[in-house]
Amino acid sequence: MNTMRTFVLMAALTALFVFIGNALGGQRGMLMAFVFAMFMNFISYWFSDKIVLKMYRAQEASPSSELYGLVRTLATRANLPMPKVYLIPGDQPNAFATGRNPQNSAVAATEGITRMLTREELSGVIGHELAHIKNRDILTGTIAATLAGAISMLAQMGQFAMIFGGGRSSDDDRGGSPIVGLIMIIVAPIAALLIQMAISRSREYVADADGARIAGNPHYLSQALQKLQRGVEQIPMQANPSTAHMFIVSPLSGGGLASLFSTHPPMAERIARLESMRL
């Protein structure tokens, strides 16, 4: 099921790429966008995990560290291959998992989360991330992050093209409509975000429940989420919006209208579901 969802996601984002290319550059732009999308799909499948880890300057954790030992214990309990373990510099408490399959996966945690949470609470967080790996959610998430980021970049390129006279020709072989191009520059990043939201929100509830079972107690994760929510609000993080859905708690603070476009379900609902669990 997750494999099919991954291919559907890749197809949807590829189609969005092609549509943007047509809007900005006509048939020629459409062809260039299609080639670029195929290239990005290849890069996303094989290298998106490395791209995201490098983006956050993640360093591989020492096998003698407490974090590494905790991941090893929980991975064994979950009957998973040992993932690579990374530490992200920064004070905001957060974590994510990445990789294309359980055999090629990684768990990354910020320095802030290792300082803020107790061992039991941290086990709830690691359990959540291992659940994403076990359920094969992470390939979908990393592909979404890479392609959504590329769509945003393409929209920015379209802005520069329009500023300097691109896309003014009415000839379809030479350029697209400037009005349609302007609309796509605004709409494309939102469309990419909506695709991410559709993929991400439902999987968080499943990962919370399965992660609680891996950790052995749902209260570990519910207590951790309460702390993480406060920590994210108080401690900013230089996070790329296209990768926000990968973290256990969105690293982007904001309420009101911003919360409507959150890649994560409401925190109160996540905590309530965990508190009602009986193992």
Protein backbone atom coordinates (compact mmCIF):
# COMPACT_ATOMS: atom_id res chain seq x y z
CA MET A 1 0.00 0.00 0.00
CA ASN A 2 2.78 2.44 0.93
CA THR A 3 4.70 1.49 -2.23
CA MET A 4 1.66 2.37 -4.34
CA ARG A 5 1.24 5.64 -2.42
CA THR A 6 4.88 6.49 -3.12
CA PHE A 7 4.43 6.02 -6.86
CA VAL A 8 1.19 8.03 -6.81
CA LEU A 9 3.03 10.83 -4.99
CA MET A 10 5.88 10.79 -7.51
CA ALA A 11 3.39 10.87 -10.39
CA ALA A 12 1.40 13.74 -8.85
CA LEU A 13 4.46 15.88 -8.22
CA THR A 14 5.85 15.07 -11.68
CA ALA A 15 2.55 16.17 -13.24
CA LEU A 16 2.72 19.39 -11.19
CA PHE A 17 6.27 19.97 -12.45
CA VAL A 18 5.16 19.52 -16.07
CA PHE A 19 2.14 21.80 -15.60
CA ILE A 20 4.34 24.54 -14.13
CA GLY A 21 6.79 24.16 -16.99
CA ASN A 22 4.01 24.51 -19.54
CA ALA A 23 2.60 27.57 -17.76
CA LEU A 24 5.97 29.30 -17.63
CA GLY A 25 7.56 28.20 -20.90
CA GLY A 26 5.05 26.55 -23.19
CA GLN A 27 5.90 23.23 -24.85
CA ARG A 28 9.62 23.77 -24.48
CA GLY A 29 9.21 24.57 -20.79
CA MET A 30 6.99 21.53 -20.35
CA LEU A 31 9.62 19.24 -21.87
CA MET A 32 12.39 20.74 -19.74
CA ALA A 33 10.25 20.40 -16.61
CA PHE A 34 9.50 16.75 -17.44
CA VAL A 35 13.20 15.94 -17.84
CA PHE A 36 13.98 17.79 -14.61
CA ALA A 37 11.19 15.92 -12.78
CA MET A 38 12.54 12.55 -13.95
CA PHE A 39 15.99 13.56 -12.73
CA MET A 40 14.59 14.67 -9.36
CA ASN A 41 12.63 11.41 -8.98
CA PHE A 42 15.85 9.46 -9.49
CA ILE A 43 17.75 11.65 -7.03
CA SER A 44 14.90 11.50 -4.52
CA TYR A 45 14.70 7.72 -4.53
CA TRP A 46 18.39 7.06 -4.12
CA PHE A 47 19.80 10.11 -2.34
CA SER A 48 16.98 12.04 -0.61
CA ASP A 49 17.97 10.68 2.83
CA LYS A 50 21.54 11.94 2.43
CA ILE A 51 20.29 15.30 1.14
CA VAL A 52 18.04 15.87 4.16
CA LEU A 53 20.69 14.79 6.67
CA LYS A 54 23.26 17.09 5.06
CA MET A 55 20.72 19.93 5.02
CA TYR A 56 20.57 19.78 8.83
CA ARG A 57 24.32 19.19 9.29
CA ALA A 58 23.61 15.85 10.98
CA GLN A 59 26.62 13.98 12.38
CA GLU A 60 26.65 10.23 12.91
CA ALA A 61 26.33 9.38 16.61
CA SER A 62 28.97 7.36 18.43
CA PRO A 63 28.05 3.71 19.08
CA SER A 64 28.93 4.34 22.73
CA SER A 65 26.40 7.20 23.07
CA GLU A 66 23.17 6.83 25.04
CA LEU A 67 21.12 7.76 21.96
CA TYR A 68 22.72 5.01 19.88
CA GLY A 69 22.15 2.45 22.61
CA LEU A 70 18.51 3.41 22.98
CA VAL A 71 17.89 3.15 19.23
CA ARG A 72 19.59 -0.27 19.16
CA THR A 73 17.44 -1.57 22.04
CA LEU A 74 14.18 -0.38 20.47
CA ALA A 75 15.13 -1.50 16.94
CA THR A 76 15.74 -5.00 18.30
CA ARG A 77 12.38 -4.91 20.08
CA ALA A 78 10.68 -3.80 16.84
CA ASN A 79 12.46 -6.55 14.86
CA LEU A 80 14.11 -3.98 12.59
CA PRO A 81 17.63 -3.78 11.17
CA MET A 82 19.78 -1.32 13.11
CA PRO A 83 19.38 2.11 11.46
CA LYS A 84 22.14 4.66 11.34
CA VAL A 85 21.87 7.20 14.16
CA TYR A 86 22.54 10.91 13.70
CA LEU A 87 22.73 13.91 16.00
CA ILE A 88 21.60 17.31 14.69
CA PRO A 89 23.22 20.42 16.19
CA GLY A 90 20.66 22.80 17.68
CA ASP A 91 18.60 23.46 20.77
CA GLN A 92 15.09 22.86 19.42
CA PRO A 93 13.86 19.43 20.60
CA ASN A 94 12.92 17.38 17.53
CA ALA A 95 13.64 14.19 15.59
CA PHE A 96 12.92 12.47 12.28
CA ALA A 97 13.59 9.25 10.38
CA THR A 98 14.73 8.95 6.77
CA GLY A 99 15.83 6.38 4.21
CA ARG A 100 14.28 4.40 1.36
CA ASN A 101 13.65 1.14 3.27
CA PRO A 102 14.31 -0.49 6.68
CA GLN A 103 17.67 -1.80 5.43
CA ASN A 104 18.77 1.71 4.44
CA SER A 105 17.32 3.93 7.14
CA ALA A 106 18.43 6.49 9.69
CA VAL A 107 17.09 8.12 12.83
CA ALA A 108 18.15 11.70 13.53
CA ALA A 109 17.60 13.61 16.77
CA THR A 110 18.55 17.14 17.75
CA GLU A 111 20.89 17.86 20.62
CA GLY A 112 18.01 19.72 22.24
CA ILE A 113 15.73 16.68 22.43
CA THR A 114 18.40 14.56 24.13
CA ARG A 115 18.75 17.23 26.82
CA MET A 116 15.06 17.99 27.34
CA LEU A 117 13.48 14.52 27.56
CA THR A 118 13.88 11.73 30.07
CA ARG A 119 15.06 8.35 28.79
CA GLU A 120 11.48 7.03 28.86
CA GLU A 121 10.14 10.04 26.93
CA LEU A 122 12.96 9.78 24.41
CA SER A 123 12.16 6.09 23.94
CA GLY A 124 8.62 7.13 22.98
CA VAL A 125 10.01 9.50 20.34
CA ILE A 126 12.46 6.92 18.98
CA GLY A 127 9.65 4.35 18.94
CA HIS A 128 7.59 6.75 16.82
CA GLU A 129 10.43 7.17 14.32
CA LEU A 130 11.08 3.42 14.18
CA ALA A 131 7.37 2.92 13.51
CA HIS A 132 7.72 5.16 10.45
CA ILE A 133 10.60 2.96 9.30
CA LYS A 134 8.70 -0.28 10.00
CA ASN A 135 5.61 1.01 8.16
CA ARG A 136 7.77 2.21 5.24
CA ASP A 137 6.52 5.79 5.56
CA ILE A 138 9.94 7.36 5.27
CA LEU A 139 10.57 6.91 1.53
CA THR A 140 7.29 8.69 0.82
CA GLY A 141 8.22 11.49 3.23
CA THR A 142 11.74 12.06 1.91
CA ILE A 143 10.58 12.04 -1.72
CA ALA A 144 7.86 14.55 -0.83
CA ALA A 145 10.45 16.75 0.89
CA THR A 146 12.86 16.71 -2.04
CA LEU A 147 10.29 17.20 -4.81
CA ALA A 148 8.27 19.82 -2.93
CA GLY A 149 11.47 21.76 -2.35
CA ALA A 150 12.31 21.51 -6.06
CA ILE A 151 8.82 22.76 -6.98
CA SER A 152 9.31 25.78 -4.74
CA MET A 153 12.69 26.37 -6.41
CA LEU A 154 11.08 26.11 -9.86
CA ALA A 155 8.47 28.67 -8.84
CA GLN A 156 11.23 31.03 -7.68
CA MET A 157 13.02 30.57 -11.00
CA GLY A 158 9.75 31.48 -12.69
CA GLN A 159 9.64 34.71 -10.69
CA PHE A 160 13.08 35.73 -11.91
CA ALA A 161 12.17 34.76 -15.48
CA MET A 162 9.09 36.98 -15.40
CA ILE A 163 10.98 39.89 -13.84
CA PHE A 164 13.57 39.76 -16.61
CA GLY A 165 11.08 39.29 -19.42
CA GLY A 166 10.62 35.52 -19.53
CA GLY A 167 7.38 33.94 -20.70
CA ARG A 168 6.05 37.05 -22.54
CA SER A 169 5.65 35.43 -25.93
CA SER A 170 2.23 34.25 -27.01
CA ASP A 171 3.90 31.60 -29.19
CA ASP A 172 3.46 28.31 -27.33
CA ASP A 173 6.81 27.01 -28.59
CA ARG A 174 8.62 30.02 -27.18
CA GLY A 175 6.86 30.76 -23.92
CA GLY A 176 3.75 30.36 -21.81
CA SER A 177 1.15 32.86 -20.73
CA PRO A 178 2.54 35.40 -18.25
CA ILE A 179 -0.78 35.51 -16.38
CA VAL A 180 -0.92 31.72 -16.01
CA GLY A 181 2.76 31.74 -15.11
CA LEU A 182 2.15 34.28 -12.35
CA ILE A 183 -0.71 32.18 -10.98
CA MET A 184 1.47 29.05 -10.98
CA ILE A 185 4.29 30.86 -9.15
CA ILE A 186 1.81 31.51 -6.33
CA VAL A 187 -0.13 28.26 -6.47
CA ALA A 188 2.65 25.70 -7.08
CA PRO A 189 4.29 25.79 -3.62
CA ILE A 190 0.83 25.62 -1.99
CA ALA A 191 -0.11 22.63 -4.15
CA ALA A 192 3.12 20.87 -3.18
CA LEU A 193 2.37 21.56 0.49
CA LEU A 194 -1.16 20.18 0.16
CA ILE A 195 0.22 16.96 -1.35
CA GLN A 196 2.62 16.66 1.58
CA MET A 197 -0.24 17.23 4.03
CA ALA A 198 -2.34 14.51 2.40
CA ILE A 199 0.51 12.06 2.74
CA SER A 200 1.69 13.08 6.20
CA ARG A 201 -1.20 13.72 8.59
CA SER A 202 -2.84 10.28 8.64
CA ARG A 203 0.49 8.49 9.02
CA GLU A 204 1.36 10.40 12.20
CA TYR A 205 -1.51 8.84 14.14
CA VAL A 206 -0.43 5.35 13.04
CA ALA A 207 3.21 6.04 13.94
CA ASP A 208 2.17 7.37 17.36
CA ALA A 209 0.22 4.20 18.16
CA ASP A 210 2.85 1.80 16.81
CA GLY A 211 5.65 3.80 18.40
CA ALA A 212 3.92 3.60 21.79
CA ARG A 213 3.83 -0.20 21.45
CA ILE A 214 7.52 -0.32 20.56
CA ALA A 215 8.41 1.88 23.55
CA GLY A 216 6.15 -0.20 25.80
CA ASN A 217 4.05 2.63 27.25
CA PRO A 218 1.90 5.24 25.41
CA HIS A 219 2.42 7.75 28.23
CA TYR A 220 6.13 8.01 27.35
CA LEU A 221 5.26 9.49 23.96
CA SER A 222 2.31 11.60 25.14
CA GLN A 223 4.49 13.24 27.81
CA ALA A 224 7.25 13.76 25.25
CA LEU A 225 4.87 15.42 22.78
CA GLN A 226 3.72 17.90 25.42
CA LYS A 227 7.32 18.92 26.09
CA LEU A 228 8.20 19.01 22.39
CA GLN A 229 5.27 21.28 21.58
CA ARG A 230 6.39 23.80 24.20
CA GLY A 231 10.01 23.48 23.10
CA VAL A 232 9.23 24.14 19.44
CA GLU A 233 7.22 27.24 20.37
CA GLN A 234 10.01 28.61 22.56
CA ILE A 235 13.11 27.63 20.54
CA PRO A 236 13.21 28.52 16.82
CA MET A 237 14.89 26.33 14.24
CA GLN A 238 16.17 27.18 10.76
CA ALA A 239 14.09 24.50 9.05
CA ASN A 240 13.21 24.16 5.39
CA PRO A 241 9.38 24.16 5.10
CA SER A 242 9.56 21.35 2.52
CA THR A 243 10.97 19.00 5.19
CA ALA A 244 8.69 20.05 8.08
CA HIS A 245 6.45 16.98 7.68
CA MET A 246 9.39 14.64 8.40
CA PHE A 247 9.82 15.77 12.01
CA ILE A 248 7.85 14.28 14.90
CA VAL A 249 6.67 17.83 15.69
CA SER A 250 6.63 20.53 13.03
CA PRO A 251 9.74 22.68 13.55
CA LEU A 252 7.86 25.69 12.17
CA SER A 253 6.04 27.63 14.85
CA GLY A 254 2.85 29.45 13.99
CA GLY A 255 -0.85 29.48 14.72
CA GLY A 256 -4.00 30.78 13.08
CA LEU A 257 -3.94 30.40 9.30
CA ALA A 258 -0.53 28.69 9.42
CA SER A 259 -1.98 25.87 11.50
CA LEU A 260 -4.48 25.10 8.72
CA PHE A 261 -1.55 24.22 6.46
CA SER A 262 0.30 22.20 9.08
CA THR A 263 1.70 18.88 7.89
CA HIS A 264 0.94 17.40 11.34
CA PRO A 265 -2.42 16.59 12.96
CA PRO A 266 -3.50 18.66 16.00
CA MET A 267 -1.23 17.98 18.96
CA ALA A 268 -4.13 17.80 21.42
CA GLU A 269 -5.72 15.03 19.38
CA ARG A 270 -2.46 13.07 19.16
CA ILE A 271 -1.99 13.26 22.92
CA ALA A 272 -5.62 12.33 23.61
CA ARG A 273 -5.37 9.23 21.43
CA LEU A 274 -2.18 8.12 23.18
CA GLU A 275 -3.67 8.71 26.63
CA SER A 276 -6.65 6.52 25.73
CA MET A 277 -4.49 3.62 24.52
CA ARG A 278 -4.36 0.38 26.48
CA LEU A 279 -1.45 -1.94 25.75
